[in-house]
PDB file of N, CA and C in Angstrom:
ATOM      1  N   MET A   1     -24.359  12.464 -13.363  1.00  0.00           N
ATOM      2  CA  MET A   1     -25.422  12.786 -12.434  1.00  0.00           C
ATOM      3  C   MET A   1     -24.838  12.992 -11.035  1.00  0.00           C
ATOM      4  N   THR A   2     -25.446  13.879 -10.306  1.00  0.00           N
ATOM      5  CA  THR A   2     -25.030  14.119  -8.921  1.00  0.00           C
ATOM      6  C   THR A   2     -25.647  13.059  -8.008  1.00  0.00           C
ATOM      7  N   LEU A   3     -25.204  13.028  -6.777  1.00  0.00           N
ATOM      8  CA  LEU A   3     -25.769  12.100  -5.800  1.00  0.00           C
ATOM      9  C   LEU A   3     -27.264  12.341  -5.637  1.00  0.00           C
ATOM     10  N   THR A   4     -27.658  13.583  -5.522  1.00  0.00           N
ATOM     11  CA  THR A   4     -29.080  13.910  -5.381  1.00  0.00           C
ATOM     12  C   THR A   4     -29.861  13.439  -6.599  1.00  0.00           C
ATOM     13  N   GLU A   5     -29.324  13.669  -7.793  1.00  0.00           N
ATOM     14  CA  GLU A   5     -30.014  13.242  -9.018  1.00  0.00           C
ATOM     15  C   GLU A   5     -30.157  11.725  -9.076  1.00  0.00           C
ATOM     16  N   TYR A   6     -29.097  10.999  -8.741  1.00  0.00           N
ATOM     17  CA  TYR A   6     -29.202   9.535  -8.702  1.00  0.00           C
ATOM     18  C   TYR A   6     -30.267   9.108  -7.703  1.00  0.00           C
ATOM     19  N   ARG A   7     -30.193   9.660  -6.496  1.00  0.00           N
ATOM     20  CA  ARG A   7     -31.121   9.263  -5.431  1.00  0.00           C
ATOM     21  C   ARG A   7     -32.564   9.550  -5.816  1.00  0.00           C
ATOM     22  N   GLU A   8     -32.804  10.734  -6.369  1.00  0.00           N
ATOM     23  CA  GLU A   8     -34.175  11.116  -6.724  1.00  0.00           C
ATOM     24  C   GLU A   8     -34.691  10.365  -7.946  1.00  0.00           C
ATOM     25  N   SER A   9     -33.792   9.889  -8.810  1.00  0.00           N
ATOM     26  CA  SER A   9     -34.221   9.158 -10.006  1.00  0.00           C
ATOM     27  C   SER A   9     -34.748   7.768  -9.665  1.00  0.00           C
ATOM     28  N   ILE A  10     -34.442   7.273  -8.471  1.00  0.00           N
ATOM     29  CA  ILE A  10     -34.805   5.889  -8.137  1.00  0.00           C
ATOM     30  C   ILE A  10     -36.304   5.711  -7.862  1.00  0.00           C
ATOM     31  N   PRO A  11     -37.034   6.485  -7.148  1.00  0.00           N
ATOM     32  CA  PRO A  11     -36.701   7.491  -6.142  1.00  0.00           C
ATOM     33  C   PRO A  11     -36.422   6.833  -4.789  1.00  0.00           C
ATOM     34  N   MET A  12     -35.568   7.517  -4.016  1.00  0.00           N
ATOM     35  CA  MET A  12     -35.183   7.014  -2.703  1.00  0.00           C
ATOM     36  C   MET A  12     -34.987   8.205  -1.773  1.00  0.00           C
ATOM     37  N   SER A  13     -35.455   8.067  -0.551  1.00  0.00           N
ATOM     38  CA  SER A  13     -35.273   9.138   0.432  1.00  0.00           C
ATOM     39  C   SER A  13     -33.849   9.102   0.983  1.00  0.00           C
ATOM     40  N   ILE A  14     -33.457  10.193   1.605  1.00  0.00           N
ATOM     41  CA  ILE A  14     -32.147  10.239   2.261  1.00  0.00           C
ATOM     42  C   ILE A  14     -32.047   9.162   3.346  1.00  0.00           C
ATOM     43  N   PRO A  15     -33.041   9.020   4.229  1.00  0.00           N
ATOM     44  CA  PRO A  15     -32.933   7.965   5.249  1.00  0.00           C
ATOM     45  C   PRO A  15     -32.833   6.553   4.654  1.00  0.00           C
ATOM     46  N   GLU A  16     -33.534   6.309   3.563  1.00  0.00           N
ATOM     47  CA  GLU A  16     -33.478   4.990   2.930  1.00  0.00           C
ATOM     48  C   GLU A  16     -32.097   4.731   2.335  1.00  0.00           C
ATOM     49  N   LEU A  17     -31.530   5.707   1.642  1.00  0.00           N
ATOM     50  CA  LEU A  17     -30.183   5.539   1.096  1.00  0.00           C
ATOM     51  C   LEU A  17     -29.181   5.336   2.225  1.00  0.00           C
ATOM     52  N   ALA A  18     -29.328   6.099   3.289  1.00  0.00           N
ATOM     53  CA  ALA A  18     -28.430   5.951   4.437  1.00  0.00           C
ATOM     54  C   ALA A  18     -28.517   4.542   5.016  1.00  0.00           C
ATOM     55  N   ARG A  19     -29.716   4.030   5.152  1.00  0.00           N
ATOM     56  CA  ARG A  19     -29.902   2.677   5.686  1.00  0.00           C
ATOM     57  C   ARG A  19     -29.239   1.646   4.777  1.00  0.00           C
ATOM     58  N   ARG A  20     -29.481   1.770   3.481  1.00  0.00           N
ATOM     59  CA  ARG A  20     -28.913   0.805   2.528  1.00  0.00           C
ATOM     60  C   ARG A  20     -27.391   0.896   2.448  1.00  0.00           C
ATOM     61  N   ALA A  21     -26.855   2.094   2.643  1.00  0.00           N
ATOM     62  CA  ALA A  21     -25.402   2.290   2.589  1.00  0.00           C
ATOM     63  C   ALA A  21     -24.743   2.078   3.951  1.00  0.00           C
ATOM     64  N   ASN A  22     -25.569   1.855   4.975  1.00  0.00           N
ATOM     65  CA  ASN A  22     -25.076   1.646   6.342  1.00  0.00           C
ATOM     66  C   ASN A  22     -24.283   2.850   6.854  1.00  0.00           C
ATOM     67  N   VAL A  23     -24.842   4.033   6.597  1.00  0.00           N
ATOM     68  CA  VAL A  23     -24.262   5.279   7.104  1.00  0.00           C
ATOM     69  C   VAL A  23     -25.379   6.104   7.727  1.00  0.00           C
ATOM     70  N   ASP A  24     -25.028   7.155   8.419  1.00  0.00           N
ATOM     71  CA  ASP A  24     -25.995   8.052   9.031  1.00  0.00           C
ATOM     72  C   ASP A  24     -26.636   8.935   7.956  1.00  0.00           C
ATOM     73  N   ALA A  25     -27.898   9.280   8.132  1.00  0.00           N
ATOM     74  CA  ALA A  25     -28.581  10.153   7.172  1.00  0.00           C
ATOM     75  C   ALA A  25     -27.864  11.492   7.025  1.00  0.00           C
ATOM     76  N   GLN A  26     -27.290  11.994   8.104  1.00  0.00           N
ATOM     77  CA  GLN A  26     -26.554  13.263   8.022  1.00  0.00           C
ATOM     78  C   GLN A  26     -25.349  13.134   7.092  1.00  0.00           C
ATOM     79  N   THR A  27     -24.757  11.966   7.028  1.00  0.00           N
ATOM     80  CA  THR A  27     -23.635  11.738   6.113  1.00  0.00           C
ATOM     81  C   THR A  27     -24.090  11.898   4.668  1.00  0.00           C
ATOM     82  N   ILE A  28     -25.277  11.394   4.348  1.00  0.00           N
ATOM     83  CA  ILE A  28     -25.820  11.554   2.994  1.00  0.00           C
ATOM     84  C   ILE A  28     -26.098  13.031   2.730  1.00  0.00           C
ATOM     85  N   ARG A  29     -26.709  13.724   3.690  1.00  0.00           N
ATOM     86  CA  ARG A  29     -26.967  15.163   3.524  1.00  0.00           C
ATOM     87  C   ARG A  29     -25.658  15.919   3.295  1.00  0.00           C
ATOM     88  N   ASN A  30     -24.638  15.583   4.077  1.00  0.00           N
ATOM     89  CA  ASN A  30     -23.336  16.237   3.919  1.00  0.00           C
ATOM     90  C   ASN A  30     -22.764  15.979   2.529  1.00  0.00           C
ATOM     91  N   ALA A  31     -22.814  14.739   2.082  1.00  0.00           N
ATOM     92  CA  ALA A  31     -22.285  14.395   0.759  1.00  0.00           C
ATOM     93  C   ALA A  31     -23.043  15.137  -0.336  1.00  0.00           C
ATOM     94  N   GLU A  32     -24.361  15.224  -0.197  1.00  0.00           N
ATOM     95  CA  GLU A  32     -25.164  15.925  -1.202  1.00  0.00           C
ATOM     96  C   GLU A  32     -24.872  17.420  -1.217  1.00  0.00           C
ATOM     97  N   SER A  33     -24.432  17.966  -0.096  1.00  0.00           N
ATOM     98  CA  SER A  33     -24.143  19.403  -0.044  1.00  0.00           C
ATOM     99  C   SER A  33     -22.683  19.713  -0.373  1.00  0.00           C
ATOM    100  N   GLY A  34     -21.930  18.689  -0.784  1.00  0.00           N
ATOM    101  CA  GLY A  34     -20.565  18.924  -1.241  1.00  0.00           C
ATOM    102  C   GLY A  34     -19.481  18.743  -0.210  1.00  0.00           C
ATOM    103  N   GLN A  35     -19.848  18.286   0.983  1.00  0.00           N
ATOM    104  CA  GLN A  35     -18.825  18.043   1.999  1.00  0.00           C
ATOM    105  C   GLN A  35     -18.093  16.740   1.695  1.00  0.00           C
ATOM    106  N   ARG A  36     -16.848  16.692   2.087  1.00  0.00           N
ATOM    107  CA  ARG A  36     -15.990  15.539   1.810  1.00  0.00           C
ATOM    108  C   ARG A  36     -16.420  14.318   2.616  1.00  0.00           C
ATOM    109  N   VAL A  37     -16.374  13.157   1.950  1.00  0.00           N
ATOM    110  CA  VAL A  37     -16.645  11.879   2.607  1.00  0.00           C
ATOM    111  C   VAL A  37     -15.463  10.946   2.363  1.00  0.00           C
ATOM    112  N   SER A  38     -15.337   9.946   3.203  1.00  0.00           N
ATOM    113  CA  SER A  38     -14.250   8.980   3.037  1.00  0.00           C
ATOM    114  C   SER A  38     -14.515   8.087   1.827  1.00  0.00           C
ATOM    115  N   ALA A  39     -13.464   7.470   1.329  1.00  0.00           N
ATOM    116  CA  ALA A  39     -13.606   6.549   0.198  1.00  0.00           C
ATOM    117  C   ALA A  39     -14.515   5.382   0.577  1.00  0.00           C
ATOM    118  N   ARG A  40     -14.429   4.924   1.824  1.00  0.00           N
ATOM    119  CA  ARG A  40     -15.284   3.818   2.270  1.00  0.00           C
ATOM    120  C   ARG A  40     -16.757   4.203   2.197  1.00  0.00           C
ATOM    121  N   VAL A  41     -17.080   5.391   2.677  1.00  0.00           N
ATOM    122  CA  VAL A  41     -18.462   5.871   2.626  1.00  0.00           C
ATOM    123  C   VAL A  41     -18.901   6.046   1.178  1.00  0.00           C
ATOM    124  N   ALA A  42     -18.044   6.612   0.350  1.00  0.00           N
ATOM    125  CA  ALA A  42     -18.376   6.814  -1.062  1.00  0.00           C
ATOM    126  C   ALA A  42     -18.673   5.483  -1.745  1.00  0.00           C
ATOM    127  N   ARG A  43     -17.865   4.468  -1.464  1.00  0.00           N
ATOM    128  CA  ARG A  43     -18.103   3.140  -2.047  1.00  0.00           C
ATOM    129  C   ARG A  43     -19.427   2.559  -1.557  1.00  0.00           C
ATOM    130  N   SER A  44     -19.724   2.724  -0.283  1.00  0.00           N
ATOM    131  CA  SER A  44     -20.981   2.211   0.275  1.00  0.00           C
ATOM    132  C   SER A  44     -22.189   2.875  -0.377  1.00  0.00           C
ATOM    133  N   ILE A  45     -22.093   4.173  -0.586  1.00  0.00           N
ATOM    134  CA  ILE A  45     -23.181   4.903  -1.246  1.00  0.00           C
ATOM    135  C   ILE A  45     -23.348   4.406  -2.676  1.00  0.00           C
ATOM    136  N   ALA A  46     -22.246   4.279  -3.402  1.00  0.00           N
ATOM    137  CA  ALA A  46     -22.307   3.819  -4.795  1.00  0.00           C
ATOM    138  C   ALA A  46     -22.881   2.406  -4.880  1.00  0.00           C
ATOM    139  N   GLU A  47     -22.503   1.532  -3.959  1.00  0.00           N
ATOM    140  CA  GLU A  47     -23.033   0.166  -3.954  1.00  0.00           C
ATOM    141  C   GLU A  47     -24.534   0.155  -3.690  1.00  0.00           C
ATOM    142  N   ALA A  48     -24.985   0.977  -2.764  1.00  0.00           N
ATOM    143  CA  ALA A  48     -26.419   1.047  -2.462  1.00  0.00           C
ATOM    144  C   ALA A  48     -27.200   1.579  -3.660  1.00  0.00           C
ATOM    145  N   LEU A  49     -26.660   2.602  -4.312  1.00  0.00           N
ATOM    146  CA  LEU A  49     -27.318   3.132  -5.506  1.00  0.00           C
ATOM    147  C   LEU A  49     -27.320   2.100  -6.623  1.00  0.00           C
ATOM    148  N   SER A  50     -26.209   1.402  -6.807  1.00  0.00           N
ATOM    149  CA  SER A  50     -26.106   0.380  -7.854  1.00  0.00           C
ATOM    150  C   SER A  50     -27.171  -0.691  -7.681  1.00  0.00           C
ATOM    151  N   GLU A  51     -27.321  -1.155  -6.457  1.00  0.00           N
ATOM    152  CA  GLU A  51     -28.320  -2.188  -6.177  1.00  0.00           C
ATOM    153  C   GLU A  51     -29.723  -1.694  -6.526  1.00  0.00           C
ATOM    154  N   ALA A  52     -30.026  -0.473  -6.152  1.00  0.00           N
ATOM    155  CA  ALA A  52     -31.359   0.087  -6.413  1.00  0.00           C
ATOM    156  C   ALA A  52     -31.579   0.362  -7.898  1.00  0.00           C
ATOM    157  N   LEU A  53     -30.517   0.766  -8.594  1.00  0.00           N
ATOM    158  CA  LEU A  53     -30.629   1.084 -10.017  1.00  0.00           C
ATOM    159  C   LEU A  53     -30.628  -0.163 -10.902  1.00  0.00           C
ATOM    160  N   GLY A  54     -30.077  -1.252 -10.380  1.00  0.00           N
ATOM    161  CA  GLY A  54     -29.973  -2.466 -11.181  1.00  0.00           C
ATOM    162  C   GLY A  54     -28.825  -2.423 -12.170  1.00  0.00           C
ATOM    163  N   ARG A  55     -27.868  -1.537 -11.924  1.00  0.00           N
ATOM    164  CA  ARG A  55     -26.661  -1.441 -12.751  1.00  0.00           C
ATOM    165  C   ARG A  55     -25.545  -0.900 -11.880  1.00  0.00           C
ATOM    166  N   THR A  56     -24.335  -1.217 -12.272  1.00  0.00           N
ATOM    167  CA  THR A  56     -23.190  -0.842 -11.454  1.00  0.00           C
ATOM    168  C   THR A  56     -22.739   0.583 -11.729  1.00  0.00           C
ATOM    169  N   ILE A  57     -22.593   1.348 -10.664  1.00  0.00           N
ATOM    170  CA  ILE A  57     -21.927   2.645 -10.738  1.00  0.00           C
ATOM    171  C   ILE A  57     -20.852   2.657  -9.657  1.00  0.00           C
ATOM    172  N   THR A  58     -19.838   3.472  -9.857  1.00  0.00           N
ATOM    173  CA  THR A  58     -18.809   3.645  -8.839  1.00  0.00           C
ATOM    174  C   THR A  58     -18.922   5.064  -8.302  1.00  0.00           C
ATOM    175  N   TYR A  59     -18.220   5.333  -7.229  1.00  0.00           N
ATOM    176  CA  TYR A  59     -18.296   6.696  -6.688  1.00  0.00           C
ATOM    177  C   TYR A  59     -17.730   7.709  -7.669  1.00  0.00           C
ATOM    178  N   ARG A  60     -16.882   7.270  -8.586  1.00  0.00           N
ATOM    179  CA  ARG A  60     -16.345   8.184  -9.607  1.00  0.00           C
ATOM    180  C   ARG A  60     -17.420   8.622 -10.606  1.00  0.00           C
ATOM    181  N   ASP A  61     -18.497   7.845 -10.699  1.00  0.00           N
ATOM    182  CA  ASP A  61     -19.608   8.187 -11.592  1.00  0.00           C
ATOM    183  C   ASP A  61     -20.524   9.249 -10.997  1.00  0.00           C
ATOM    184  N   ILE A  62     -20.381   9.534  -9.721  1.00  0.00           N
ATOM    185  CA  ILE A  62     -21.262  10.482  -9.037  1.00  0.00           C
ATOM    186  C   ILE A  62     -20.628  11.869  -9.097  1.00  0.00           C
ATOM    187  N   GLU A  63     -21.170  12.716  -9.953  1.00  0.00           N
ATOM    188  CA  GLU A  63     -20.620  14.064 -10.148  1.00  0.00           C
ATOM    189  C   GLU A  63     -20.670  14.868  -8.853  1.00  0.00           C
ATOM    190  N   GLY A  64     -19.585  15.563  -8.578  1.00  0.00           N
ATOM    191  CA  GLY A  64     -19.545  16.468  -7.444  1.00  0.00           C
ATOM    192  C   GLY A  64     -19.315  15.810  -6.097  1.00  0.00           C
ATOM    193  N   LEU A  65     -19.180  14.483  -6.067  1.00  0.00           N
ATOM    194  CA  LEU A  65     -18.932  13.804  -4.795  1.00  0.00           C
ATOM    195  C   LEU A  65     -17.473  14.027  -4.414  1.00  0.00           C
ATOM    196  N   ASP A  66     -17.256  14.669  -3.282  1.00  0.00           N
ATOM    197  CA  ASP A  66     -15.909  15.010  -2.815  1.00  0.00           C
ATOM    198  C   ASP A  66     -15.410  13.877  -1.919  1.00  0.00           C
ATOM    199  N   VAL A  67     -14.476  13.096  -2.463  1.00  0.00           N
ATOM    200  CA  VAL A  67     -14.014  11.892  -1.770  1.00  0.00           C
ATOM    201  C   VAL A  67     -12.601  12.094  -1.249  1.00  0.00           C
ATOM    202  N   ARG A  68     -12.424  11.807   0.017  1.00  0.00           N
ATOM    203  CA  ARG A  68     -11.111  11.863   0.658  1.00  0.00           C
ATOM    204  C   ARG A  68     -10.428  10.526   0.420  1.00  0.00           C
ATOM    205  N   LEU A  69      -9.366  10.549  -0.347  1.00  0.00           N
ATOM    206  CA  LEU A  69      -8.647   9.304  -0.675  1.00  0.00           C
ATOM    207  C   LEU A  69      -7.527   9.021   0.288  1.00  0.00           C
TER     208      LEU A  69
END
């Protein structure tokens, strides 16, 4: 699943995911549009999604997420 698919399956807004991941909403928009994010940001997003989903996912589980290692 892509980041957008995970987020919408919860459902969760971009601002809510940004708040839970402690990043700016524009960072979530950028990640959803395929722009590169840092590994730290990717981990924060995955942790926020995991908490909301009630199961653990890693940033590697998010299809199309471009992570700068």
